[in-house]
């Protein structure tokens, strides 16, 4: 079971750096966190999700990094229930 990093923008850069050092990190970009660049994590083989509704509300459907998996709120709840949460919101 990996650590689930919930990442919003205010502390997002710090969160992404910490997640990159965590071998078991799974990252979920939420709210304004969808503006962050997850490519270093993806290049390191990390799993990165983004909440689809947050991406759509900000008009970023065409700009989200390739490899980021879009999820809905139900899937987010499932991830939270299944992992230890590290919150950067």
PDB file of N, CA and C in Angstrom:
ATOM      1  N   UNK A   1       0.843  -1.171   0.000  1.00  0.00           N
ATOM      2  CA  UNK A   1       0.000   0.000   0.000  1.00  0.00           C
ATOM      3  C   UNK A   1       0.896   1.245   0.000  1.00  0.00           C
ATOM      4  N   UNK A   2       0.686   2.108  -0.966  1.00  0.00           N
ATOM      5  CA  UNK A   2       1.478   3.328  -1.057  1.00  0.00           C
ATOM      6  C   UNK A   2       0.838   4.488  -0.313  1.00  0.00           C
ATOM      7  N   UNK A   3       1.607   5.544  -0.182  1.00  0.00           N
ATOM      8  CA  UNK A   3       1.096   6.777   0.395  1.00  0.00           C
ATOM      9  C   UNK A   3       0.379   7.554  -0.693  1.00  0.00           C
ATOM     10  N   UNK A   4      -0.786   8.071  -0.381  1.00  0.00           N
ATOM     11  CA  UNK A   4      -1.586   8.833  -1.330  1.00  0.00           C
ATOM     12  C   UNK A   4      -1.402  10.316  -1.030  1.00  0.00           C
ATOM     13  N   UNK A   5      -0.788  11.028  -1.949  1.00  0.00           N
ATOM     14  CA  UNK A   5      -0.540  12.460  -1.803  1.00  0.00           C
ATOM     15  C   UNK A   5      -1.671  13.229  -2.469  1.00  0.00           C
ATOM     16  N   UNK A   6      -2.448  13.968  -1.674  1.00  0.00           N
ATOM     17  CA  UNK A   6      -3.490  14.844  -2.205  1.00  0.00           C
ATOM     18  C   UNK A   6      -2.857  16.221  -2.343  1.00  0.00           C
ATOM     19  N   UNK A   7      -2.753  16.709  -3.575  1.00  0.00           N
ATOM     20  CA  UNK A   7      -1.945  17.894  -3.839  1.00  0.00           C
ATOM     21  C   UNK A   7      -2.771  19.007  -4.464  1.00  0.00           C
ATOM     22  N   UNK A   8      -2.849  20.125  -3.759  1.00  0.00           N
ATOM     23  CA  UNK A   8      -3.425  21.364  -4.261  1.00  0.00           C
ATOM     24  C   UNK A   8      -2.253  22.317  -4.512  1.00  0.00           C
ATOM     25  N   UNK A   9      -2.513  23.449  -5.076  1.00  0.00           N
ATOM     26  CA  UNK A   9      -1.442  24.343  -5.512  1.00  0.00           C
ATOM     27  C   UNK A   9      -0.654  25.056  -4.405  1.00  0.00           C
ATOM     28  N   UNK A  10      -1.260  25.518  -3.312  1.00  0.00           N
ATOM     29  CA  UNK A  10      -0.463  26.311  -2.363  1.00  0.00           C
ATOM     30  C   UNK A  10       0.831  25.633  -1.906  1.00  0.00           C
ATOM     31  N   UNK A  11       0.797  24.339  -1.652  1.00  0.00           N
ATOM     32  CA  UNK A  11       1.983  23.615  -1.204  1.00  0.00           C
ATOM     33  C   UNK A  11       2.406  22.573  -2.233  1.00  0.00           C
ATOM     34  N   UNK A  12       1.934  22.743  -3.446  1.00  0.00           N
ATOM     35  CA  UNK A  12       2.095  21.736  -4.483  1.00  0.00           C
ATOM     36  C   UNK A  12       3.519  21.408  -4.859  1.00  0.00           C
ATOM     37  N   UNK A  13       4.362  22.413  -5.020  1.00  0.00           N
ATOM     38  CA  UNK A  13       5.748  22.142  -5.418  1.00  0.00           C
ATOM     39  C   UNK A  13       6.460  21.320  -4.347  1.00  0.00           C
ATOM     40  N   UNK A  14       6.241  21.659  -3.080  1.00  0.00           N
ATOM     41  CA  UNK A  14       6.829  20.873  -1.980  1.00  0.00           C
ATOM     42  C   UNK A  14       6.297  19.451  -1.984  1.00  0.00           C
ATOM     43  N   UNK A  15       5.013  19.315  -2.185  1.00  0.00           N
ATOM     44  CA  UNK A  15       4.394  17.990  -2.194  1.00  0.00           C
ATOM     45  C   UNK A  15       4.956  17.116  -3.307  1.00  0.00           C
ATOM     46  N   UNK A  16       5.107  17.696  -4.492  1.00  0.00           N
ATOM     47  CA  UNK A  16       5.631  16.909  -5.612  1.00  0.00           C
ATOM     48  C   UNK A  16       7.076  16.488  -5.370  1.00  0.00           C
ATOM     49  N   UNK A  17       7.877  17.354  -4.748  1.00  0.00           N
ATOM     50  CA  UNK A  17       9.265  16.979  -4.420  1.00  0.00           C
ATOM     51  C   UNK A  17       9.296  15.834  -3.411  1.00  0.00           C
ATOM     52  N   UNK A  18       8.454  15.920  -2.386  1.00  0.00           N
ATOM     53  CA  UNK A  18       8.400  14.843  -1.392  1.00  0.00           C
ATOM     54  C   UNK A  18       7.910  13.540  -2.013  1.00  0.00           C
ATOM     55  N   UNK A  19       6.903  13.630  -2.853  1.00  0.00           N
ATOM     56  CA  UNK A  19       6.365  12.434  -3.501  1.00  0.00           C
ATOM     57  C   UNK A  19       7.408  11.773  -4.395  1.00  0.00           C
ATOM     58  N   UNK A  20       8.242  12.583  -5.022  1.00  0.00           N
ATOM     59  CA  UNK A  20       9.266  12.025  -5.895  1.00  0.00           C
ATOM     60  C   UNK A  20      10.272  11.189  -5.100  1.00  0.00           C
ATOM     61  N   UNK A  21      10.483  11.550  -3.837  1.00  0.00           N
ATOM     62  CA  UNK A  21      11.420  10.816  -2.978  1.00  0.00           C
ATOM     63  C   UNK A  21      10.776   9.604  -2.311  1.00  0.00           C
ATOM     64  N   UNK A  22       9.471   9.498  -2.356  1.00  0.00           N
ATOM     65  CA  UNK A  22       8.723   8.411  -1.720  1.00  0.00           C
ATOM     66  C   UNK A  22       8.511   7.293  -2.738  1.00  0.00           C
ATOM     67  N   UNK A  23       9.158   6.174  -2.523  1.00  0.00           N
ATOM     68  CA  UNK A  23       9.087   5.061  -3.477  1.00  0.00           C
ATOM     69  C   UNK A  23       7.670   4.551  -3.680  1.00  0.00           C
ATOM     70  N   UNK A  24       6.813   4.715  -2.690  1.00  0.00           N
ATOM     71  CA  UNK A  24       5.452   4.179  -2.762  1.00  0.00           C
ATOM     72  C   UNK A  24       4.407   5.258  -3.026  1.00  0.00           C
ATOM     73  N   UNK A  25       4.833   6.420  -3.479  1.00  0.00           N
ATOM     74  CA  UNK A  25       3.904   7.547  -3.643  1.00  0.00           C
ATOM     75  C   UNK A  25       2.939   7.349  -4.805  1.00  0.00           C
ATOM     76  N   UNK A  26       1.703   7.728  -4.532  1.00  0.00           N
ATOM     77  CA  UNK A  26       0.647   7.857  -5.536  1.00  0.00           C
ATOM     78  C   UNK A  26       0.134   9.283  -5.363  1.00  0.00           C
ATOM     79  N   UNK A  27       0.038  10.024  -6.453  1.00  0.00           N
ATOM     80  CA  UNK A  27      -0.293  11.447  -6.364  1.00  0.00           C
ATOM     81  C   UNK A  27      -1.640  11.713  -7.004  1.00  0.00           C
ATOM     82  N   UNK A  28      -2.465  12.516  -6.318  1.00  0.00           N
ATOM     83  CA  UNK A  28      -3.728  12.982  -6.880  1.00  0.00           C
ATOM     84  C   UNK A  28      -3.692  14.512  -6.891  1.00  0.00           C
ATOM     85  N   UNK A  29      -3.786  15.086  -8.074  1.00  0.00           N
ATOM     86  CA  UNK A  29      -3.862  16.531  -8.226  1.00  0.00           C
ATOM     87  C   UNK A  29      -5.321  16.944  -8.083  1.00  0.00           C
ATOM     88  N   UNK A  30      -5.594  17.822  -7.125  1.00  0.00           N
ATOM     89  CA  UNK A  30      -6.960  18.256  -6.883  1.00  0.00           C
ATOM     90  C   UNK A  30      -7.026  19.780  -6.924  1.00  0.00           C
ATOM     91  N   UNK A  31      -8.189  20.295  -7.158  1.00  0.00           N
ATOM     92  CA  UNK A  31      -8.450  21.734  -7.204  1.00  0.00           C
ATOM     93  C   UNK A  31      -7.410  22.414  -8.086  1.00  0.00           C
ATOM     94  N   UNK A  32      -6.733  23.473  -7.600  1.00  0.00           N
ATOM     95  CA  UNK A  32      -5.739  24.168  -8.421  1.00  0.00           C
ATOM     96  C   UNK A  32      -4.441  23.378  -8.576  1.00  0.00           C
ATOM     97  N   UNK A  33      -4.332  22.248  -7.919  1.00  0.00           N
ATOM     98  CA  UNK A  33      -3.174  21.378  -8.111  1.00  0.00           C
ATOM     99  C   UNK A  33      -3.073  20.849  -9.528  1.00  0.00           C
ATOM    100  N   UNK A  34      -4.174  20.879 -10.271  1.00  0.00           N
ATOM    101  CA  UNK A  34      -4.141  20.408 -11.656  1.00  0.00           C
ATOM    102  C   UNK A  34      -3.293  21.309 -12.542  1.00  0.00           C
ATOM    103  N   UNK A  35      -2.931  22.513 -12.068  1.00  0.00           N
ATOM    104  CA  UNK A  35      -2.039  23.400 -12.816  1.00  0.00           C
ATOM    105  C   UNK A  35      -0.572  22.982 -12.705  1.00  0.00           C
ATOM    106  N   UNK A  36      -0.241  22.158 -11.718  1.00  0.00           N
ATOM    107  CA  UNK A  36       1.152  21.773 -11.478  1.00  0.00           C
ATOM    108  C   UNK A  36       1.667  20.832 -12.556  1.00  0.00           C
ATOM    109  N   UNK A  37       2.978  20.807 -12.728  1.00  0.00           N
ATOM    110  CA  UNK A  37       3.622  19.960 -13.735  1.00  0.00           C
ATOM    111  C   UNK A  37       4.036  18.629 -13.104  1.00  0.00           C
ATOM    112  N   UNK A  38       3.317  17.541 -13.421  1.00  0.00           N
ATOM    113  CA  UNK A  38       3.640  16.247 -12.819  1.00  0.00           C
ATOM    114  C   UNK A  38       4.644  15.429 -13.630  1.00  0.00           C
ATOM    115  N   UNK A  39       5.183  15.986 -14.714  1.00  0.00           N
ATOM    116  CA  UNK A  39       6.058  15.198 -15.589  1.00  0.00           C
ATOM    117  C   UNK A  39       7.256  14.570 -14.889  1.00  0.00           C
ATOM    118  N   UNK A  40       7.931  15.257 -13.941  1.00  0.00           N
ATOM    119  CA  UNK A  40       9.041  14.573 -13.247  1.00  0.00           C
ATOM    120  C   UNK A  40       8.580  13.307 -12.517  1.00  0.00           C
ATOM    121  N   UNK A  41       7.390  13.354 -11.940  1.00  0.00           N
ATOM    122  CA  UNK A  41       6.860  12.156 -11.262  1.00  0.00           C
ATOM    123  C   UNK A  41       6.552  11.056 -12.263  1.00  0.00           C
ATOM    124  N   UNK A  42       5.925  11.437 -13.372  1.00  0.00           N
ATOM    125  CA  UNK A  42       5.601  10.453 -14.401  1.00  0.00           C
ATOM    126  C   UNK A  42       6.879   9.839 -14.977  1.00  0.00           C
ATOM    127  N   UNK A  43       7.888  10.666 -15.186  1.00  0.00           N
ATOM    128  CA  UNK A  43       9.168  10.171 -15.697  1.00  0.00           C
ATOM    129  C   UNK A  43       9.828   9.203 -14.719  1.00  0.00           C
ATOM    130  N   UNK A  44       9.547   9.388 -13.427  1.00  0.00           N
ATOM    131  CA  UNK A  44      10.097   8.507 -12.392  1.00  0.00           C
ATOM    132  C   UNK A  44       9.246   7.254 -12.187  1.00  0.00           C
ATOM    133  N   UNK A  45       8.184   7.113 -12.983  1.00  0.00           N
ATOM    134  CA  UNK A  45       7.341   5.923 -12.892  1.00  0.00           C
ATOM    135  C   UNK A  45       6.255   5.978 -11.842  1.00  0.00           C
ATOM    136  N   UNK A  46       5.988   7.155 -11.294  1.00  0.00           N
ATOM    137  CA  UNK A  46       4.938   7.305 -10.274  1.00  0.00           C
ATOM    138  C   UNK A  46       3.567   7.309 -10.939  1.00  0.00           C
ATOM    139  N   UNK A  47       2.571   6.901 -10.185  1.00  0.00           N
ATOM    140  CA  UNK A  47       1.188   6.988 -10.631  1.00  0.00           C
ATOM    141  C   UNK A  47       0.647   8.358 -10.248  1.00  0.00           C
ATOM    142  N   UNK A  48       0.103   9.066 -11.241  1.00  0.00           N
ATOM    143  CA  UNK A  48      -0.440  10.398 -11.005  1.00  0.00           C
ATOM    144  C   UNK A  48      -1.866  10.443 -11.532  1.00  0.00           C
ATOM    145  N   UNK A  49      -2.764  10.878 -10.666  1.00  0.00           N
ATOM    146  CA  UNK A  49      -4.163  11.074 -11.026  1.00  0.00           C
ATOM    147  C   UNK A  49      -4.491  12.563 -10.943  1.00  0.00           C
ATOM    148  N   UNK A  50      -5.543  12.954 -11.627  1.00  0.00           N
ATOM    149  CA  UNK A  50      -6.103  14.301 -11.480  1.00  0.00           C
ATOM    150  C   UNK A  50      -7.615  14.158 -11.461  1.00  0.00           C
ATOM    151  N   UNK A  51      -8.274  14.954 -10.628  1.00  0.00           N
ATOM    152  CA  UNK A  51      -9.734  14.914 -10.561  1.00  0.00           C
ATOM    153  C   UNK A  51     -10.280  15.566 -11.838  1.00  0.00           C
ATOM    154  N   UNK A  52     -11.011  14.788 -12.593  1.00  0.00           N
ATOM    155  CA  UNK A  52     -11.496  15.227 -13.898  1.00  0.00           C
ATOM    156  C   UNK A  52     -12.313  16.516 -13.823  1.00  0.00           C
ATOM    157  N   UNK A  53     -13.182  16.612 -12.834  1.00  0.00           N
ATOM    158  CA  UNK A  53     -14.014  17.808 -12.716  1.00  0.00           C
ATOM    159  C   UNK A  53     -13.153  19.061 -12.497  1.00  0.00           C
ATOM    160  N   UNK A  54     -12.074  18.934 -11.721  1.00  0.00           N
ATOM    161  CA  UNK A  54     -11.183  20.066 -11.495  1.00  0.00           C
ATOM    162  C   UNK A  54     -10.454  20.456 -12.778  1.00  0.00           C
ATOM    163  N   UNK A  55     -10.050  19.477 -13.553  1.00  0.00           N
ATOM    164  CA  UNK A  55      -9.399  19.733 -14.846  1.00  0.00           C
ATOM    165  C   UNK A  55     -10.368  20.456 -15.784  1.00  0.00           C
ATOM    166  N   UNK A  56     -11.602  19.957 -15.851  1.00  0.00           N
ATOM    167  CA  UNK A  56     -12.593  20.544 -16.748  1.00  0.00           C
ATOM    168  C   UNK A  56     -12.977  21.961 -16.324  1.00  0.00           C
ATOM    169  N   UNK A  57     -13.148  22.191 -15.010  1.00  0.00           N
ATOM    170  CA  UNK A  57     -13.524  23.528 -14.519  1.00  0.00           C
ATOM    171  C   UNK A  57     -12.482  24.585 -14.890  1.00  0.00           C
ATOM    172  N   UNK A  58     -11.236  24.146 -15.041  1.00  0.00           N
ATOM    173  CA  UNK A  58     -10.162  25.077 -15.349  1.00  0.00           C
ATOM    174  C   UNK A  58      -9.792  25.076 -16.834  1.00  0.00           C
ATOM    175  N   UNK A  59     -10.541  24.321 -17.623  1.00  0.00           N
ATOM    176  CA  UNK A  59     -10.315  24.289 -19.069  1.00  0.00           C
ATOM    177  C   UNK A  59      -8.988  23.675 -19.476  1.00  0.00           C
ATOM    178  N   UNK A  60      -8.503  22.708 -18.719  1.00  0.00           N
ATOM    179  CA  UNK A  60      -7.182  22.130 -18.965  1.00  0.00           C
ATOM    180  C   UNK A  60      -7.211  20.762 -19.635  1.00  0.00           C
ATOM    181  N   UNK A  61      -8.335  20.380 -20.196  1.00  0.00           N
ATOM    182  CA  UNK A  61      -8.453  19.045 -20.781  1.00  0.00           C
ATOM    183  C   UNK A  61      -7.358  18.769 -21.817  1.00  0.00           C
ATOM    184  N   UNK A  62      -7.032  19.754 -22.624  1.00  0.00           N
ATOM    185  CA  UNK A  62      -6.036  19.568 -23.679  1.00  0.00           C
ATOM    186  C   UNK A  62      -4.609  19.797 -23.191  1.00  0.00           C
ATOM    187  N   UNK A  63      -4.446  20.279 -21.958  1.00  0.00           N
ATOM    188  CA  UNK A  63      -3.119  20.647 -21.467  1.00  0.00           C
ATOM    189  C   UNK A  63      -2.596  19.733 -20.369  1.00  0.00           C
ATOM    190  N   UNK A  64      -3.430  18.826 -19.887  1.00  0.00           N
ATOM    191  CA  UNK A  64      -2.993  17.938 -18.812  1.00  0.00           C
ATOM    192  C   UNK A  64      -1.909  16.996 -19.357  1.00  0.00           C
ATOM    193  N   UNK A  65      -0.878  16.751 -18.585  1.00  0.00           N
ATOM    194  CA  UNK A  65       0.259  15.949 -19.037  1.00  0.00           C
ATOM    195  C   UNK A  65      -0.185  14.537 -19.430  1.00  0.00           C
ATOM    196  N   UNK A  66       0.396  14.057 -20.499  1.00  0.00           N
ATOM    197  CA  UNK A  66       0.151  12.684 -20.937  1.00  0.00           C
ATOM    198  C   UNK A  66       0.609  11.739 -19.833  1.00  0.00           C
ATOM    199  N   UNK A  67      -0.192  10.760 -19.520  1.00  0.00           N
ATOM    200  CA  UNK A  67       0.135   9.817 -18.459  1.00  0.00           C
ATOM    201  C   UNK A  67      -0.616  10.066 -17.169  1.00  0.00           C
ATOM    202  N   UNK A  68      -1.181  11.271 -17.020  1.00  0.00           N
ATOM    203  CA  UNK A  68      -2.014  11.563 -15.853  1.00  0.00           C
ATOM    204  C   UNK A  68      -3.369  10.924 -16.086  1.00  0.00           C
ATOM    205  N   UNK A  69      -3.833  10.146 -15.120  1.00  0.00           N
ATOM    206  CA  UNK A  69      -5.113   9.459 -15.238  1.00  0.00           C
ATOM    207  C   UNK A  69      -6.204  10.313 -14.590  1.00  0.00           C
ATOM    208  N   UNK A  70      -7.256  10.578 -15.341  1.00  0.00           N
ATOM    209  CA  UNK A  70      -8.369  11.363 -14.809  1.00  0.00           C
ATOM    210  C   UNK A  70      -9.311  10.461 -14.031  1.00  0.00           C
ATOM    211  N   UNK A  71      -9.737  10.943 -12.857  1.00  0.00           N
ATOM    212  CA  UNK A  71     -10.636  10.165 -12.005  1.00  0.00           C
ATOM    213  C   UNK A  71     -11.798  11.054 -11.562  1.00  0.00           C
ATOM    214  N   UNK A  72     -12.892  10.404 -11.160  1.00  0.00           N
ATOM    215  CA  UNK A  72     -14.025  11.146 -10.623  1.00  0.00           C
ATOM    216  C   UNK A  72     -13.962  11.101  -9.093  1.00  0.00           C
ATOM    217  N   UNK A  73     -14.920  11.778  -8.445  1.00  0.00           N
ATOM    218  CA  UNK A  73     -14.896  11.846  -6.980  1.00  0.00           C
ATOM    219  C   UNK A  73     -15.086  10.485  -6.326  1.00  0.00           C
ATOM    220  N   UNK A  74     -15.866   9.610  -6.934  1.00  0.00           N
ATOM    221  CA  UNK A  74     -16.036   8.270  -6.385  1.00  0.00           C
ATOM    222  C   UNK A  74     -14.720   7.495  -6.363  1.00  0.00           C
ATOM    223  N   UNK A  75     -13.958   7.616  -7.437  1.00  0.00           N
ATOM    224  CA  UNK A  75     -12.653   6.954  -7.491  1.00  0.00           C
ATOM    225  C   UNK A  75     -11.683   7.575  -6.484  1.00  0.00           C
ATOM    226  N   UNK A  76     -11.783   8.885  -6.286  1.00  0.00           N
ATOM    227  CA  UNK A  76     -10.947   9.555  -5.283  1.00  0.00           C
ATOM    228  C   UNK A  76     -11.246   9.001  -3.897  1.00  0.00           C
ATOM    229  N   UNK A  77     -12.508   8.842  -3.576  1.00  0.00           N
ATOM    230  CA  UNK A  77     -12.899   8.292  -2.271  1.00  0.00           C
ATOM    231  C   UNK A  77     -12.341   6.881  -2.114  1.00  0.00           C
ATOM    232  N   UNK A  78     -12.412   6.071  -3.161  1.00  0.00           N
ATOM    233  CA  UNK A  78     -11.863   4.711  -3.101  1.00  0.00           C
ATOM    234  C   UNK A  78     -10.362   4.734  -2.832  1.00  0.00           C
ATOM    235  N   UNK A  79      -9.641   5.638  -3.488  1.00  0.00           N
ATOM    236  CA  UNK A  79      -8.202   5.751  -3.260  1.00  0.00           C
ATOM    237  C   UNK A  79      -7.900   6.172  -1.824  1.00  0.00           C
ATOM    238  N   UNK A  80      -8.666   7.133  -1.310  1.00  0.00           N
ATOM    239  CA  UNK A  80      -8.470   7.600   0.061  1.00  0.00           C
ATOM    240  C   UNK A  80      -8.713   6.472   1.062  1.00  0.00           C
ATOM    241  N   UNK A  81      -9.738   5.675   0.809  1.00  0.00           N
ATOM    242  CA  UNK A  81     -10.066   4.574   1.719  1.00  0.00           C
ATOM    243  C   UNK A  81      -9.011   3.468   1.692  1.00  0.00           C
ATOM    244  N   UNK A  82      -8.300   3.346   0.583  1.00  0.00           N
ATOM    245  CA  UNK A  82      -7.366   2.237   0.419  1.00  0.00           C
ATOM    246  C   UNK A  82      -5.915   2.570   0.762  1.00  0.00           C
ATOM    247  N   UNK A  83      -5.603   3.842   1.038  1.00  0.00           N
ATOM    248  CA  UNK A  83      -4.216   4.244   1.235  1.00  0.00           C
ATOM    249  C   UNK A  83      -4.052   5.160   2.448  1.00  0.00           C
ATOM    250  N   UNK A  84      -2.834   5.267   2.895  1.00  0.00           N
ATOM    251  CA  UNK A  84      -2.476   6.272   3.899  1.00  0.00           C
ATOM    252  C   UNK A  84      -2.405   7.613   3.164  1.00  0.00           C
ATOM    253  N   UNK A  85      -3.077   8.615   3.675  1.00  0.00           N
ATOM    254  CA  UNK A  85      -3.171   9.908   3.003  1.00  0.00           C
ATOM    255  C   UNK A  85      -2.147  10.886   3.557  1.00  0.00           C
ATOM    256  N   UNK A  86      -1.438  11.539   2.646  1.00  0.00           N
ATOM    257  CA  UNK A  86      -0.546  12.636   2.962  1.00  0.00           C
ATOM    258  C   UNK A  86      -1.171  13.842   2.284  1.00  0.00           C
ATOM    259  N   UNK A  87      -1.659  14.788   3.081  1.00  0.00           N
ATOM    260  CA  UNK A  87      -2.501  15.871   2.581  1.00  0.00           C
ATOM    261  C   UNK A  87      -1.720  17.164   2.401  1.00  0.00           C
ATOM    262  N   UNK A  88      -1.756  17.707   1.181  1.00  0.00           N
ATOM    263  CA  UNK A  88      -1.152  19.000   0.878  1.00  0.00           C
ATOM    264  C   UNK A  88      -2.210  19.915   0.294  1.00  0.00           C
ATOM    265  N   UNK A  89      -3.315  20.065   1.004  1.00  0.00           N
ATOM    266  CA  UNK A  89      -4.422  20.894   0.541  1.00  0.00           C
ATOM    267  C   UNK A  89      -4.545  22.100   1.447  1.00  0.00           C
TER     268      UNK A  89
END
